[in-house]
């Protein structure tokens, strides 16, 4: 198993924004080894010295200012957290996306985590590339690392719930079983399937649902099959367009998330 920290933090050296350094709870009380990229970031990029503080957080617990207690001769760094401010609740947005190329999916997970999505589902689709499902993203720690990267950039110590499904059918059955589809759209929940090819309307026509929730589905690169459109429509999803142009999966996810968050009142 590859450590999520070792996947995520090397990017800090190349200009990726690291607005808060995140730790797993089990890492508290142990020094950061010289080779840990977080230690390198603290000492080389932030140029922190013994006794100084840096912004950090513990996943699931909160964020605060951490103090450097000691910098050993071998380059390891001992630190201690102060009182942590509990993290705010993530917006009521669940976004589901068809399996994309691994590099695209990493971007999707990172960006949706940064935008505050509460849950992200990944599913196999009729027109999706089957080989993408066999990528090791969910096995080697890469998916969690992408979620951590997004949370770190947005100064959040929480991560979205992440689940994977073999098909749209399995995903919809799981949602019904978890009562995720019980609230009808006119009761505060928006059910949206992005579809620029055969839409029933546009995102711009959605009513505002301040304080509500949104469940948005994004198909794979080749879009939805007619069978999947029928399944989504039967489950109460409105197929809505975000414009006339074809989009990359990661672009469509960010655009749809932003539009949905605005509708449920997350932008003020």
C-alpha atoms as a PDB file:
ATOM      1  CA  UNK A   1       0.000   0.000   0.000  1.00  0.00           C
ATOM      2  CA  UNK A   2       1.395   3.393  -0.977  1.00  0.00           C
ATOM      3  CA  UNK A   3       1.103   6.064   1.700  1.00  0.00           C
ATOM      4  CA  UNK A   4      -1.407   8.749   0.634  1.00  0.00           C
ATOM      5  CA  UNK A   5       0.903  11.404   2.039  1.00  0.00           C
ATOM      6  CA  UNK A   6       3.737  10.333  -0.234  1.00  0.00           C
ATOM      7  CA  UNK A   7       1.494  10.531  -3.284  1.00  0.00           C
ATOM      8  CA  UNK A   8       0.060  13.902  -2.450  1.00  0.00           C
ATOM      9  CA  UNK A   9       2.739  16.126  -1.036  1.00  0.00           C
ATOM     10  CA  UNK A  10       5.465  15.960  -3.719  1.00  0.00           C
ATOM     11  CA  UNK A  11       3.363  18.290  -5.840  1.00  0.00           C
ATOM     12  CA  UNK A  12       3.900  21.084  -3.332  1.00  0.00           C
ATOM     13  CA  UNK A  13       7.444  21.456  -4.635  1.00  0.00           C
ATOM     14  CA  UNK A  14       6.190  22.342  -8.095  1.00  0.00           C
ATOM     15  CA  UNK A  15       3.870  25.185  -7.192  1.00  0.00           C
ATOM     16  CA  UNK A  16       0.677  23.310  -6.300  1.00  0.00           C
ATOM     17  CA  UNK A  17      -1.215  25.272  -3.626  1.00  0.00           C
ATOM     18  CA  UNK A  18      -0.929  23.781  -0.142  1.00  0.00           C
ATOM     19  CA  UNK A  19      -3.002  26.103   2.019  1.00  0.00           C
ATOM     20  CA  UNK A  20      -3.158  23.785   5.016  1.00  0.00           C
ATOM     21  CA  UNK A  21      -1.006  20.714   5.667  1.00  0.00           C
ATOM     22  CA  UNK A  22      -3.093  17.699   6.598  1.00  0.00           C
ATOM     23  CA  UNK A  23      -2.236  14.772   8.855  1.00  0.00           C
ATOM     24  CA  UNK A  24      -3.968  11.512   9.590  1.00  0.00           C
ATOM     25  CA  UNK A  25      -4.941  11.175  13.256  1.00  0.00           C
ATOM     26  CA  UNK A  26      -2.523   8.273  13.704  1.00  0.00           C
ATOM     27  CA  UNK A  27       0.412  10.488  12.730  1.00  0.00           C
ATOM     28  CA  UNK A  28       0.069  12.755  15.747  1.00  0.00           C
ATOM     29  CA  UNK A  29       2.808  12.334  18.344  1.00  0.00           C
ATOM     30  CA  UNK A  30       5.314  11.099  15.780  1.00  0.00           C
ATOM     31  CA  UNK A  31       7.958  13.246  14.055  1.00  0.00           C
ATOM     32  CA  UNK A  32       7.883  13.758  10.325  1.00  0.00           C
ATOM     33  CA  UNK A  33      10.750  11.927   8.687  1.00  0.00           C
ATOM     34  CA  UNK A  34      13.261  13.831   6.602  1.00  0.00           C
ATOM     35  CA  UNK A  35      11.926  12.260   3.425  1.00  0.00           C
ATOM     36  CA  UNK A  36       8.312  13.244   4.111  1.00  0.00           C
ATOM     37  CA  UNK A  37       7.349  15.928   1.611  1.00  0.00           C
ATOM     38  CA  UNK A  38       5.350  17.756   4.264  1.00  0.00           C
ATOM     39  CA  UNK A  39       8.528  18.246   6.291  1.00  0.00           C
ATOM     40  CA  UNK A  40      10.306  19.513   3.192  1.00  0.00           C
ATOM     41  CA  UNK A  41       7.442  21.893   2.446  1.00  0.00           C
ATOM     42  CA  UNK A  42       7.437  23.277   5.994  1.00  0.00           C
ATOM     43  CA  UNK A  43      11.191  23.805   6.088  1.00  0.00           C
ATOM     44  CA  UNK A  44      12.086  24.654   2.473  1.00  0.00           C
ATOM     45  CA  UNK A  45       8.980  26.354   1.108  1.00  0.00           C
ATOM     46  CA  UNK A  46       7.495  27.918   4.230  1.00  0.00           C
ATOM     47  CA  UNK A  47      10.988  28.349   5.756  1.00  0.00           C
ATOM     48  CA  UNK A  48       9.734  27.646   9.260  1.00  0.00           C
ATOM     49  CA  UNK A  49      12.097  27.300  12.209  1.00  0.00           C
ATOM     50  CA  UNK A  50      11.932  25.746  15.656  1.00  0.00           C
ATOM     51  CA  UNK A  51       9.242  27.388  17.767  1.00  0.00           C
ATOM     52  CA  UNK A  52       7.349  28.775  14.784  1.00  0.00           C
ATOM     53  CA  UNK A  53       3.857  27.790  13.712  1.00  0.00           C
ATOM     54  CA  UNK A  54       2.344  26.563  10.482  1.00  0.00           C
ATOM     55  CA  UNK A  55      -1.253  26.026   9.377  1.00  0.00           C
ATOM     56  CA  UNK A  56      -2.266  22.387   9.524  1.00  0.00           C
ATOM     57  CA  UNK A  57      -5.138  20.078  10.285  1.00  0.00           C
ATOM     58  CA  UNK A  58      -6.085  16.546  11.225  1.00  0.00           C
ATOM     59  CA  UNK A  59      -8.420  14.799   8.822  1.00  0.00           C
ATOM     60  CA  UNK A  60     -11.854  14.506  10.381  1.00  0.00           C
ATOM     61  CA  UNK A  61     -10.965  16.581  13.464  1.00  0.00           C
ATOM     62  CA  UNK A  62     -10.238  20.143  12.374  1.00  0.00           C
ATOM     63  CA  UNK A  63      -7.590  22.738  11.621  1.00  0.00           C
ATOM     64  CA  UNK A  64      -5.367  25.054  13.627  1.00  0.00           C
ATOM     65  CA  UNK A  65      -1.819  26.300  14.096  1.00  0.00           C
ATOM     66  CA  UNK A  66       0.816  23.610  14.730  1.00  0.00           C
ATOM     67  CA  UNK A  67       4.102  24.387  16.468  1.00  0.00           C
ATOM     68  CA  UNK A  68       7.529  23.067  15.449  1.00  0.00           C
ATOM     69  CA  UNK A  69       8.990  21.605  18.640  1.00  0.00           C
ATOM     70  CA  UNK A  70      12.293  20.327  17.317  1.00  0.00           C
ATOM     71  CA  UNK A  71      14.252  19.962  14.083  1.00  0.00           C
ATOM     72  CA  UNK A  72      16.631  17.034  14.480  1.00  0.00           C
ATOM     73  CA  UNK A  73      20.062  16.758  12.931  1.00  0.00           C
ATOM     74  CA  UNK A  74      18.767  14.036  10.609  1.00  0.00           C
ATOM     75  CA  UNK A  75      16.170  16.437   9.192  1.00  0.00           C
ATOM     76  CA  UNK A  76      13.148  14.978  10.962  1.00  0.00           C
ATOM     77  CA  UNK A  77      10.658  17.424  12.399  1.00  0.00           C
ATOM     78  CA  UNK A  78       8.741  17.132  15.678  1.00  0.00           C
ATOM     79  CA  UNK A  79       5.526  19.131  15.945  1.00  0.00           C
ATOM     80  CA  UNK A  80       2.550  19.586  18.218  1.00  0.00           C
ATOM     81  CA  UNK A  81      -0.989  20.774  17.425  1.00  0.00           C
ATOM     82  CA  UNK A  82      -2.819  23.467  19.330  1.00  0.00           C
ATOM     83  CA  UNK A  83      -6.574  23.389  19.843  1.00  0.00           C
ATOM     84  CA  UNK A  84      -8.285  22.414  16.608  1.00  0.00           C
ATOM     85  CA  UNK A  85     -11.296  24.264  15.269  1.00  0.00           C
ATOM     86  CA  UNK A  86     -13.881  21.671  14.173  1.00  0.00           C
ATOM     87  CA  UNK A  87     -14.420  21.554  10.403  1.00  0.00           C
ATOM     88  CA  UNK A  88     -17.644  22.983   8.955  1.00  0.00           C
ATOM     89  CA  UNK A  89     -20.116  20.596   7.363  1.00  0.00           C
ATOM     90  CA  UNK A  90     -19.697  20.111   3.651  1.00  0.00           C
ATOM     91  CA  UNK A  91     -22.493  21.311   1.324  1.00  0.00           C
ATOM     92  CA  UNK A  92     -25.260  18.836   0.526  1.00  0.00           C
ATOM     93  CA  UNK A  93     -23.887  17.972  -2.904  1.00  0.00           C
ATOM     94  CA  UNK A  94     -23.392  14.408  -4.142  1.00  0.00           C
ATOM     95  CA  UNK A  95     -21.860  14.109  -7.585  1.00  0.00           C
ATOM     96  CA  UNK A  96     -21.574  10.882  -9.562  1.00  0.00           C
ATOM     97  CA  UNK A  97     -19.306  10.487 -12.569  1.00  0.00           C
ATOM     98  CA  UNK A  98     -18.678   7.747 -15.098  1.00  0.00           C
ATOM     99  CA  UNK A  99     -15.209   6.192 -14.998  1.00  0.00           C
ATOM    100  CA  UNK A 100     -12.728   8.429 -16.808  1.00  0.00           C
ATOM    101  CA  UNK A 101      -9.043   8.138 -17.610  1.00  0.00           C
ATOM    102  CA  UNK A 102      -7.147   7.772 -14.326  1.00  0.00           C
ATOM    103  CA  UNK A 103      -5.413  11.148 -14.716  1.00  0.00           C
ATOM    104  CA  UNK A 104      -8.776  12.814 -15.380  1.00  0.00           C
ATOM    105  CA  UNK A 105     -10.433  11.058 -12.472  1.00  0.00           C
ATOM    106  CA  UNK A 106      -7.676  12.222 -10.116  1.00  0.00           C
ATOM    107  CA  UNK A 107      -8.390  15.793 -11.191  1.00  0.00           C
ATOM    108  CA  UNK A 108     -12.120  15.291 -10.710  1.00  0.00           C
ATOM    109  CA  UNK A 109     -11.656  13.932  -7.186  1.00  0.00           C
ATOM    110  CA  UNK A 110      -9.229  16.709  -6.274  1.00  0.00           C
ATOM    111  CA  UNK A 111     -11.412  19.512  -7.625  1.00  0.00           C
ATOM    112  CA  UNK A 112     -14.702  18.236  -6.218  1.00  0.00           C
ATOM    113  CA  UNK A 113     -13.064  17.755  -2.825  1.00  0.00           C
ATOM    114  CA  UNK A 114     -11.797  21.343  -3.013  1.00  0.00           C
ATOM    115  CA  UNK A 115     -15.244  22.632  -4.000  1.00  0.00           C
ATOM    116  CA  UNK A 116     -16.796  21.005  -0.937  1.00  0.00           C
ATOM    117  CA  UNK A 117     -18.735  18.058  -2.390  1.00  0.00           C
ATOM    118  CA  UNK A 118     -20.043  15.895   0.432  1.00  0.00           C
ATOM    119  CA  UNK A 119     -19.979  12.666  -1.578  1.00  0.00           C
ATOM    120  CA  UNK A 120     -18.526  11.446  -4.868  1.00  0.00           C
ATOM    121  CA  UNK A 121     -19.644   8.289  -6.642  1.00  0.00           C
ATOM    122  CA  UNK A 122     -17.817   6.702  -9.583  1.00  0.00           C
ATOM    123  CA  UNK A 123     -19.646   4.221 -11.830  1.00  0.00           C
ATOM    124  CA  UNK A 124     -19.084   2.120 -14.917  1.00  0.00           C
ATOM    125  CA  UNK A 125     -21.190   3.282 -17.874  1.00  0.00           C
ATOM    126  CA  UNK A 126     -22.496   1.566 -20.997  1.00  0.00           C
ATOM    127  CA  UNK A 127     -20.403   3.765 -23.313  1.00  0.00           C
ATOM    128  CA  UNK A 128     -17.439   4.127 -20.982  1.00  0.00           C
ATOM    129  CA  UNK A 129     -14.036   2.593 -21.594  1.00  0.00           C
ATOM    130  CA  UNK A 130     -13.996  -0.677 -19.647  1.00  0.00           C
ATOM    131  CA  UNK A 131     -10.239  -0.597 -19.008  1.00  0.00           C
ATOM    132  CA  UNK A 132     -10.599   2.551 -16.909  1.00  0.00           C
ATOM    133  CA  UNK A 133     -12.390   0.521 -14.247  1.00  0.00           C
ATOM    134  CA  UNK A 134      -9.312  -1.647 -13.748  1.00  0.00           C
ATOM    135  CA  UNK A 135      -7.015   1.284 -12.917  1.00  0.00           C
ATOM    136  CA  UNK A 136      -5.428   1.031  -9.476  1.00  0.00           C
ATOM    137  CA  UNK A 137      -6.636   4.436  -8.309  1.00  0.00           C
ATOM    138  CA  UNK A 138      -8.893   2.931  -5.655  1.00  0.00           C
ATOM    139  CA  UNK A 139      -6.311   0.360  -4.574  1.00  0.00           C
ATOM    140  CA  UNK A 140      -2.998   2.221  -4.343  1.00  0.00           C
ATOM    141  CA  UNK A 141      -4.132   5.190  -2.256  1.00  0.00           C
ATOM    142  CA  UNK A 142      -4.291   7.522  -5.257  1.00  0.00           C
ATOM    143  CA  UNK A 143      -7.989   8.321  -4.880  1.00  0.00           C
ATOM    144  CA  UNK A 144      -7.655   9.266  -1.213  1.00  0.00           C
ATOM    145  CA  UNK A 145      -4.528  11.265  -2.004  1.00  0.00           C
ATOM    146  CA  UNK A 146      -6.479  13.303  -4.584  1.00  0.00           C
ATOM    147  CA  UNK A 147      -9.226  13.996  -2.040  1.00  0.00           C
ATOM    148  CA  UNK A 148      -6.613  15.123   0.492  1.00  0.00           C
ATOM    149  CA  UNK A 149      -4.996  17.399  -2.083  1.00  0.00           C
ATOM    150  CA  UNK A 150      -8.307  19.125  -2.779  1.00  0.00           C
ATOM    151  CA  UNK A 151      -9.177  19.473   0.891  1.00  0.00           C
ATOM    152  CA  UNK A 152      -5.723  20.865   1.670  1.00  0.00           C
ATOM    153  CA  UNK A 153      -6.042  23.484  -1.045  1.00  0.00           C
ATOM    154  CA  UNK A 154      -9.409  24.662   0.325  1.00  0.00           C
ATOM    155  CA  UNK A 155      -8.271  24.599   3.976  1.00  0.00           C
ATOM    156  CA  UNK A 156     -10.674  21.806   4.873  1.00  0.00           C
ATOM    157  CA  UNK A 157      -9.984  18.910   7.220  1.00  0.00           C
ATOM    158  CA  UNK A 158     -12.864  16.791   5.944  1.00  0.00           C
ATOM    159  CA  UNK A 159     -12.961  14.518   2.912  1.00  0.00           C
ATOM    160  CA  UNK A 160     -15.906  13.569   0.713  1.00  0.00           C
ATOM    161  CA  UNK A 161     -17.402  10.110   0.997  1.00  0.00           C
ATOM    162  CA  UNK A 162     -16.141   8.111  -1.999  1.00  0.00           C
ATOM    163  CA  UNK A 163     -17.813   5.041  -3.493  1.00  0.00           C
ATOM    164  CA  UNK A 164     -17.431   3.020  -6.691  1.00  0.00           C
ATOM    165  CA  UNK A 165     -20.087   1.062  -8.627  1.00  0.00           C
ATOM    166  CA  UNK A 166     -20.014  -1.305 -11.579  1.00  0.00           C
ATOM    167  CA  UNK A 167     -22.879   0.367 -13.448  1.00  0.00           C
ATOM    168  CA  UNK A 168     -25.525   3.083 -13.388  1.00  0.00           C
ATOM    169  CA  UNK A 169     -28.036   0.388 -12.440  1.00  0.00           C
ATOM    170  CA  UNK A 170     -26.050  -0.591  -9.338  1.00  0.00           C
ATOM    171  CA  UNK A 171     -25.539   3.049  -8.408  1.00  0.00           C
ATOM    172  CA  UNK A 172     -29.262   3.841  -8.629  1.00  0.00           C
ATOM    173  CA  UNK A 173     -30.176   0.745  -6.589  1.00  0.00           C
ATOM    174  CA  UNK A 174     -27.737   1.808  -3.876  1.00  0.00           C
ATOM    175  CA  UNK A 175     -29.208   5.300  -3.781  1.00  0.00           C
ATOM    176  CA  UNK A 176     -32.741   4.001  -3.418  1.00  0.00           C
ATOM    177  CA  UNK A 177     -31.611   1.594  -0.703  1.00  0.00           C
ATOM    178  CA  UNK A 178     -29.976   4.452   1.180  1.00  0.00           C
ATOM    179  CA  UNK A 179     -33.135   6.597   0.817  1.00  0.00           C
ATOM    180  CA  UNK A 180     -31.127   9.117  -1.207  1.00  0.00           C
ATOM    181  CA  UNK A 181     -33.967   9.453  -3.722  1.00  0.00           C
ATOM    182  CA  UNK A 182     -36.851   9.680  -1.269  1.00  0.00           C
ATOM    183  CA  UNK A 183     -37.088  13.464  -1.307  1.00  0.00           C
ATOM    184  CA  UNK A 184     -38.651  14.618  -4.560  1.00  0.00           C
ATOM    185  CA  UNK A 185     -37.144  17.639  -6.353  1.00  0.00           C
ATOM    186  CA  UNK A 186     -40.023  19.878  -5.256  1.00  0.00           C
ATOM    187  CA  UNK A 187     -39.193  19.054  -1.631  1.00  0.00           C
ATOM    188  CA  UNK A 188     -35.741  20.597  -1.823  1.00  0.00           C
ATOM    189  CA  UNK A 189     -33.652  18.006  -3.647  1.00  0.00           C
ATOM    190  CA  UNK A 190     -32.368  18.591  -7.158  1.00  0.00           C
ATOM    191  CA  UNK A 191     -31.865  15.432  -9.227  1.00  0.00           C
ATOM    192  CA  UNK A 192     -29.843  16.266 -12.321  1.00  0.00           C
ATOM    193  CA  UNK A 193     -28.209  14.238 -15.074  1.00  0.00           C
ATOM    194  CA  UNK A 194     -25.971  16.458 -17.186  1.00  0.00           C
ATOM    195  CA  UNK A 195     -26.725  15.810 -20.860  1.00  0.00           C
ATOM    196  CA  UNK A 196     -25.614  18.230 -23.573  1.00  0.00           C
ATOM    197  CA  UNK A 197     -26.545  15.792 -26.348  1.00  0.00           C
ATOM    198  CA  UNK A 198     -30.227  15.109 -25.670  1.00  0.00           C
ATOM    199  CA  UNK A 199     -31.292  17.498 -22.914  1.00  0.00           C
ATOM    200  CA  UNK A 200     -34.778  18.148 -21.612  1.00  0.00           C
ATOM    201  CA  UNK A 201     -33.806  21.659 -20.536  1.00  0.00           C
ATOM    202  CA  UNK A 202     -30.909  23.673 -19.207  1.00  0.00           C
ATOM    203  CA  UNK A 203     -29.286  24.229 -15.827  1.00  0.00           C
ATOM    204  CA  UNK A 204     -30.232  27.911 -16.085  1.00  0.00           C
ATOM    205  CA  UNK A 205     -33.897  26.979 -15.771  1.00  0.00           C
ATOM    206  CA  UNK A 206     -33.506  25.221 -12.443  1.00  0.00           C
ATOM    207  CA  UNK A 207     -35.327  26.822  -9.510  1.00  0.00           C
ATOM    208  CA  UNK A 208     -33.251  27.934  -6.549  1.00  0.00           C
ATOM    209  CA  UNK A 209     -33.382  25.574  -3.554  1.00  0.00           C
ATOM    210  CA  UNK A 210     -31.634  27.475  -0.722  1.00  0.00           C
ATOM    211  CA  UNK A 211     -30.847  25.039   2.055  1.00  0.00           C
ATOM    212  CA  UNK A 212     -31.687  22.086  -0.188  1.00  0.00           C
ATOM    213  CA  UNK A 213     -29.474  19.408  -1.669  1.00  0.00           C
ATOM    214  CA  UNK A 214     -28.321  18.347  -5.105  1.00  0.00           C
ATOM    215  CA  UNK A 215     -27.532  14.988  -6.662  1.00  0.00           C
ATOM    216  CA  UNK A 216     -25.790  15.390 -10.029  1.00  0.00           C
ATOM    217  CA  UNK A 217     -24.758  12.646 -12.453  1.00  0.00           C
ATOM    218  CA  UNK A 218     -22.117  13.130 -15.162  1.00  0.00           C
ATOM    219  CA  UNK A 219     -21.704  10.515 -17.873  1.00  0.00           C
ATOM    220  CA  UNK A 220     -18.420   9.245 -19.338  1.00  0.00           C
ATOM    221  CA  UNK A 221     -16.607  10.837 -22.278  1.00  0.00           C
ATOM    222  CA  UNK A 222     -18.996   9.271 -24.806  1.00  0.00           C
ATOM    223  CA  UNK A 223     -22.084  10.292 -22.885  1.00  0.00           C
ATOM    224  CA  UNK A 224     -25.162   8.348 -21.794  1.00  0.00           C
ATOM    225  CA  UNK A 225     -26.691   5.390 -23.613  1.00  0.00           C
ATOM    226  CA  UNK A 226     -30.425   5.462 -24.317  1.00  0.00           C
ATOM    227  CA  UNK A 227     -30.837   2.701 -21.736  1.00  0.00           C
ATOM    228  CA  UNK A 228     -29.151   4.816 -19.062  1.00  0.00           C
ATOM    229  CA  UNK A 229     -31.219   7.868 -20.010  1.00  0.00           C
ATOM    230  CA  UNK A 230     -34.372   5.805 -19.441  1.00  0.00           C
ATOM    231  CA  UNK A 231     -33.090   4.588 -16.058  1.00  0.00           C
ATOM    232  CA  UNK A 232     -32.223   8.095 -14.899  1.00  0.00           C
ATOM    233  CA  UNK A 233     -35.541   9.506 -16.075  1.00  0.00           C
ATOM    234  CA  UNK A 234     -37.448   6.742 -14.277  1.00  0.00           C
ATOM    235  CA  UNK A 235     -35.545   7.600 -11.080  1.00  0.00           C
ATOM    236  CA  UNK A 236     -36.651  11.213 -11.310  1.00  0.00           C
ATOM    237  CA  UNK A 237     -33.559  12.835 -12.814  1.00  0.00           C
ATOM    238  CA  UNK A 238     -33.932  15.787 -15.153  1.00  0.00           C
ATOM    239  CA  UNK A 239     -31.509  15.652 -18.095  1.00  0.00           C
ATOM    240  CA  UNK A 240     -30.129  19.168 -18.366  1.00  0.00           C
ATOM    241  CA  UNK A 241     -27.583  20.839 -20.623  1.00  0.00           C
ATOM    242  CA  UNK A 242     -24.730  23.128 -19.619  1.00  0.00           C
ATOM    243  CA  UNK A 243     -24.337  24.505 -23.139  1.00  0.00           C
ATOM    244  CA  UNK A 244     -23.952  23.287 -26.696  1.00  0.00           C
ATOM    245  CA  UNK A 245     -20.307  22.268 -26.522  1.00  0.00           C
ATOM    246  CA  UNK A 246     -18.824  18.908 -25.661  1.00  0.00           C
ATOM    247  CA  UNK A 247     -16.737  19.101 -22.480  1.00  0.00           C
ATOM    248  CA  UNK A 248     -13.966  17.117 -20.900  1.00  0.00           C
ATOM    249  CA  UNK A 249     -15.166  15.038 -17.973  1.00  0.00           C
ATOM    250  CA  UNK A 250     -13.268  17.147 -15.435  1.00  0.00           C
ATOM    251  CA  UNK A 251     -14.628  20.376 -16.938  1.00  0.00           C
ATOM    252  CA  UNK A 252     -18.193  19.075 -16.889  1.00  0.00           C
ATOM    253  CA  UNK A 253     -17.878  17.977 -13.247  1.00  0.00           C
ATOM    254  CA  UNK A 254     -16.594  21.349 -12.061  1.00  0.00           C
ATOM    255  CA  UNK A 255     -19.182  23.274 -14.093  1.00  0.00           C
ATOM    256  CA  UNK A 256     -22.071  21.103 -12.899  1.00  0.00           C
ATOM    257  CA  UNK A 257     -20.908  21.248  -9.279  1.00  0.00           C
ATOM    258  CA  UNK A 258     -20.651  25.043  -9.394  1.00  0.00           C
ATOM    259  CA  UNK A 259     -24.107  25.414 -10.937  1.00  0.00           C
ATOM    260  CA  UNK A 260     -25.669  23.023  -8.410  1.00  0.00           C
ATOM    261  CA  UNK A 261     -23.963  24.683  -5.433  1.00  0.00           C
ATOM    262  CA  UNK A 262     -25.269  28.049  -6.562  1.00  0.00           C
ATOM    263  CA  UNK A 263     -28.812  26.674  -6.755  1.00  0.00           C
ATOM    264  CA  UNK A 264     -28.746  25.285  -3.208  1.00  0.00           C
ATOM    265  CA  UNK A 265     -27.436  28.565  -1.812  1.00  0.00           C
ATOM    266  CA  UNK A 266     -23.788  27.765  -1.159  1.00  0.00           C
ATOM    267  CA  UNK A 267     -22.529  30.940  -2.841  1.00  0.00           C
ATOM    268  CA  UNK A 268     -24.199  33.327  -0.435  1.00  0.00           C
END
